[in-house]
């Protein structure tokens, strides 16, 4: 199967451990693709929840996926500043339908003022029992949480100071009809 190219649009699908679809983002433009990394941008894209509820994202977002790490990162470009939503999740796979991963409930949110919060610990504990995550997955996710926090503290990858600007500019370059550059305020 051919991988998408820069400028192509893909769907992104998150699943739960039991294989059920959790959430789907319809249109994400690929702005960077390497052997292990896909970076995409979506802007006011249609999102469909597992219960069929649909909504449209409010702001541009840059998404960072890696084939080797058990987390992915959504960089949300908000008027009050950049926020991050980090999913503890399986490494991605991609097929003809979408980029796919398993969401393991735990999330780290970083607010524009730099405050960090670990979210959904109770949901993780419940689903760990419900879907029998097992010690191997639990160990991987604990280590991945520590690694993710190190990336945040060291401003690595999607947390680097210029990451959002570089990839949002690339998005606007690939989509010339998009006149407003969110990060430049034009």
Protein backbone atom coordinates (compact mmCIF):
# COMPACT_ATOMS: atom_id res chain seq x y z
CA UNK A 1 0.00 0.00 0.00
CA UNK A 2 1.29 3.46 -0.90
CA UNK A 3 1.68 5.89 1.97
CA UNK A 4 0.10 9.32 1.73
CA UNK A 5 2.24 12.18 0.47
CA UNK A 6 2.63 15.67 1.86
CA UNK A 7 -0.50 17.60 0.95
CA UNK A 8 -2.75 14.51 0.95
CA UNK A 9 -5.73 14.36 3.29
CA UNK A 10 -6.24 11.37 5.56
CA UNK A 11 -8.78 10.34 8.19
CA UNK A 12 -7.58 9.64 11.72
CA UNK A 13 -9.35 6.98 13.80
CA UNK A 14 -8.91 6.13 17.45
CA UNK A 15 -10.10 2.81 18.82
CA UNK A 16 -10.48 1.36 22.28
CA UNK A 17 -8.65 -1.79 23.40
CA UNK A 18 -11.70 -3.95 22.55
CA UNK A 19 -11.54 -2.86 18.90
CA UNK A 20 -14.50 -0.48 18.98
CA UNK A 21 -14.16 2.83 17.14
CA UNK A 22 -13.78 5.66 19.67
CA UNK A 23 -13.47 8.82 17.53
CA UNK A 24 -12.82 9.78 13.91
CA UNK A 25 -11.37 13.00 12.46
CA UNK A 26 -12.36 13.32 8.81
CA UNK A 27 -9.79 15.60 7.15
CA UNK A 28 -6.19 15.90 8.27
CA UNK A 29 -3.62 17.17 5.78
CA UNK A 30 -0.28 15.37 5.91
CA UNK A 31 2.47 18.01 6.17
CA UNK A 32 5.39 15.66 7.00
CA UNK A 33 5.87 11.94 6.53
CA UNK A 34 8.96 9.95 7.43
CA UNK A 35 9.65 6.30 8.16
CA UNK A 36 8.25 6.53 11.72
CA UNK A 37 6.53 9.93 11.91
CA UNK A 38 3.44 11.52 10.44
CA UNK A 39 2.62 15.15 11.17
CA UNK A 40 -0.73 16.49 10.04
CA UNK A 41 -2.86 19.59 10.35
CA UNK A 42 -6.60 19.87 10.54
CA UNK A 43 -8.68 23.00 10.81
CA UNK A 44 -12.34 22.94 11.70
CA UNK A 45 -12.60 19.29 10.73
CA UNK A 46 -15.60 17.04 11.24
CA UNK A 47 -15.21 14.75 14.25
CA UNK A 48 -17.49 11.75 14.79
CA UNK A 49 -17.82 10.17 18.23
CA UNK A 50 -18.46 6.46 18.87
CA UNK A 51 -22.12 7.21 19.66
CA UNK A 52 -22.58 8.88 16.25
CA UNK A 53 -22.52 12.44 17.61
CA UNK A 54 -20.76 14.82 15.21
CA UNK A 55 -19.07 18.13 15.81
CA UNK A 56 -16.51 20.39 14.16
CA UNK A 57 -13.20 21.28 15.83
CA UNK A 58 -12.95 24.94 16.85
CA UNK A 59 -9.35 25.72 16.02
CA UNK A 60 -6.45 24.56 13.87
CA UNK A 61 -4.56 21.60 15.30
CA UNK A 62 -1.26 19.98 14.45
CA UNK A 63 -1.16 16.24 15.12
CA UNK A 64 2.03 14.27 15.78
CA UNK A 65 2.10 10.47 15.46
CA UNK A 66 5.07 8.13 15.88
CA UNK A 67 5.38 4.41 15.10
CA UNK A 68 7.73 3.72 18.01
CA UNK A 69 6.18 5.69 20.91
CA UNK A 70 3.02 4.94 22.87
CA UNK A 71 1.65 8.48 22.74
CA UNK A 72 0.49 11.03 20.21
CA UNK A 73 0.19 14.78 20.53
CA UNK A 74 -2.41 17.30 19.38
CA UNK A 75 -1.10 20.87 19.31
CA UNK A 76 -4.12 23.19 19.47
CA UNK A 77 -3.60 26.71 18.12
CA UNK A 78 -5.94 28.80 20.26
CA UNK A 79 -6.29 32.59 20.37
CA UNK A 80 -5.10 32.61 23.99
CA UNK A 81 -2.03 30.52 23.13
CA UNK A 82 -0.89 27.04 22.24
CA UNK A 83 -2.34 24.12 24.20
CA UNK A 84 -1.41 20.43 23.95
CA UNK A 85 -3.52 17.31 24.36
CA UNK A 86 -1.41 14.16 24.60
CA UNK A 87 -3.00 10.73 24.29
CA UNK A 88 -1.35 7.68 25.83
CA UNK A 89 -1.97 5.37 22.91
CA UNK A 90 -0.54 2.60 20.80
CA UNK A 91 1.86 3.48 18.00
CA UNK A 92 -0.08 4.25 14.81
CA UNK A 93 -0.75 2.06 11.82
CA UNK A 94 -1.98 3.35 8.48
CA UNK A 95 -4.01 1.64 5.79
CA UNK A 96 -6.23 2.69 2.88
CA UNK A 97 -8.95 3.82 5.30
CA UNK A 98 -7.13 5.90 7.90
CA UNK A 99 -4.28 6.41 10.32
CA UNK A 100 -5.33 4.30 13.32
CA UNK A 101 -4.32 3.84 16.94
CA UNK A 102 -5.66 2.45 20.22
CA UNK A 103 -6.48 5.09 22.82
CA UNK A 104 -5.56 3.97 26.33
CA UNK A 105 -7.59 6.56 28.22
CA UNK A 106 -4.78 8.43 30.00
CA UNK A 107 -4.10 11.93 28.72
CA UNK A 108 -1.78 14.78 29.56
CA UNK A 109 -3.09 18.26 28.88
CA UNK A 110 -0.83 21.31 28.79
CA UNK A 111 -2.52 24.67 29.02
CA UNK A 112 -1.24 27.85 27.30
CA UNK A 113 0.19 29.03 30.65
CA UNK A 114 2.30 25.82 30.90
CA UNK A 115 0.20 24.04 33.54
CA UNK A 116 0.22 20.24 33.04
CA UNK A 117 -2.55 17.87 34.12
CA UNK A 118 -2.77 14.07 33.97
CA UNK A 119 -6.37 13.28 32.99
CA UNK A 120 -8.69 10.28 33.04
CA UNK A 121 -6.85 8.17 35.63
CA UNK A 122 -10.19 6.76 36.85
CA UNK A 123 -11.26 5.89 33.29
CA UNK A 124 -7.94 4.10 32.77
CA UNK A 125 -8.39 2.03 35.95
CA UNK A 126 -11.94 1.08 34.94
CA UNK A 127 -11.03 0.13 31.37
CA UNK A 128 -7.89 -1.73 32.49
CA UNK A 129 -10.17 -4.12 34.39
CA UNK A 130 -12.96 -4.13 31.77
CA UNK A 131 -10.72 -4.92 28.81
CA UNK A 132 -7.92 -6.76 30.63
CA UNK A 133 -5.03 -4.52 29.56
CA UNK A 134 -2.55 -6.74 31.39
CA UNK A 135 0.74 -5.94 33.07
CA UNK A 136 2.69 -5.57 29.82
CA UNK A 137 0.48 -2.75 28.53
CA UNK A 138 0.33 -1.19 32.01
CA UNK A 139 4.14 -1.19 32.20
CA UNK A 140 4.47 0.25 28.68
CA UNK A 141 1.99 3.03 29.45
CA UNK A 142 3.67 3.95 32.75
CA UNK A 143 7.03 4.21 30.98
CA UNK A 144 5.46 6.13 28.09
CA UNK A 145 3.92 8.64 30.50
CA UNK A 146 7.36 9.28 32.01
CA UNK A 147 8.89 9.59 28.53
CA UNK A 148 6.14 11.97 27.40
CA UNK A 149 6.71 14.18 30.46
CA UNK A 150 10.43 14.24 29.66
CA UNK A 151 9.66 15.32 26.07
CA UNK A 152 7.47 18.12 27.47
CA UNK A 153 10.08 19.28 29.99
CA UNK A 154 12.90 19.12 27.41
CA UNK A 155 10.79 20.78 24.67
CA UNK A 156 11.39 17.84 22.36
CA UNK A 157 9.47 17.07 19.15
CA UNK A 158 6.01 18.67 19.10
CA UNK A 159 6.88 20.63 22.27
CA UNK A 160 9.79 22.50 20.63
CA UNK A 161 9.19 26.25 20.59
CA UNK A 162 9.05 26.54 16.79
CA UNK A 163 7.21 23.26 16.04
CA UNK A 164 3.73 24.78 15.67
CA UNK A 165 4.89 27.64 13.47
CA UNK A 166 6.95 25.42 11.16
CA UNK A 167 4.16 22.93 10.53
CA UNK A 168 1.30 25.41 10.38
CA UNK A 169 3.29 27.46 7.85
CA UNK A 170 3.85 24.27 5.85
CA UNK A 171 0.10 23.65 5.92
CA UNK A 172 -0.66 27.14 4.60
CA UNK A 173 2.00 26.66 1.89
CA UNK A 174 0.40 23.39 0.78
CA UNK A 175 -3.08 24.92 0.89
CA UNK A 176 -2.61 28.25 -0.92
CA UNK A 177 -6.32 29.11 -0.97
CA UNK A 178 -6.15 29.34 2.82
CA UNK A 179 -5.60 33.09 3.24
CA UNK A 180 -5.57 33.49 7.05
CA UNK A 181 -2.36 32.41 8.75
CA UNK A 182 -3.47 31.77 12.33
CA UNK A 183 0.00 32.09 13.85
CA UNK A 184 0.87 35.30 12.04
CA UNK A 185 -2.52 36.91 12.73
CA UNK A 186 -3.04 37.75 9.05
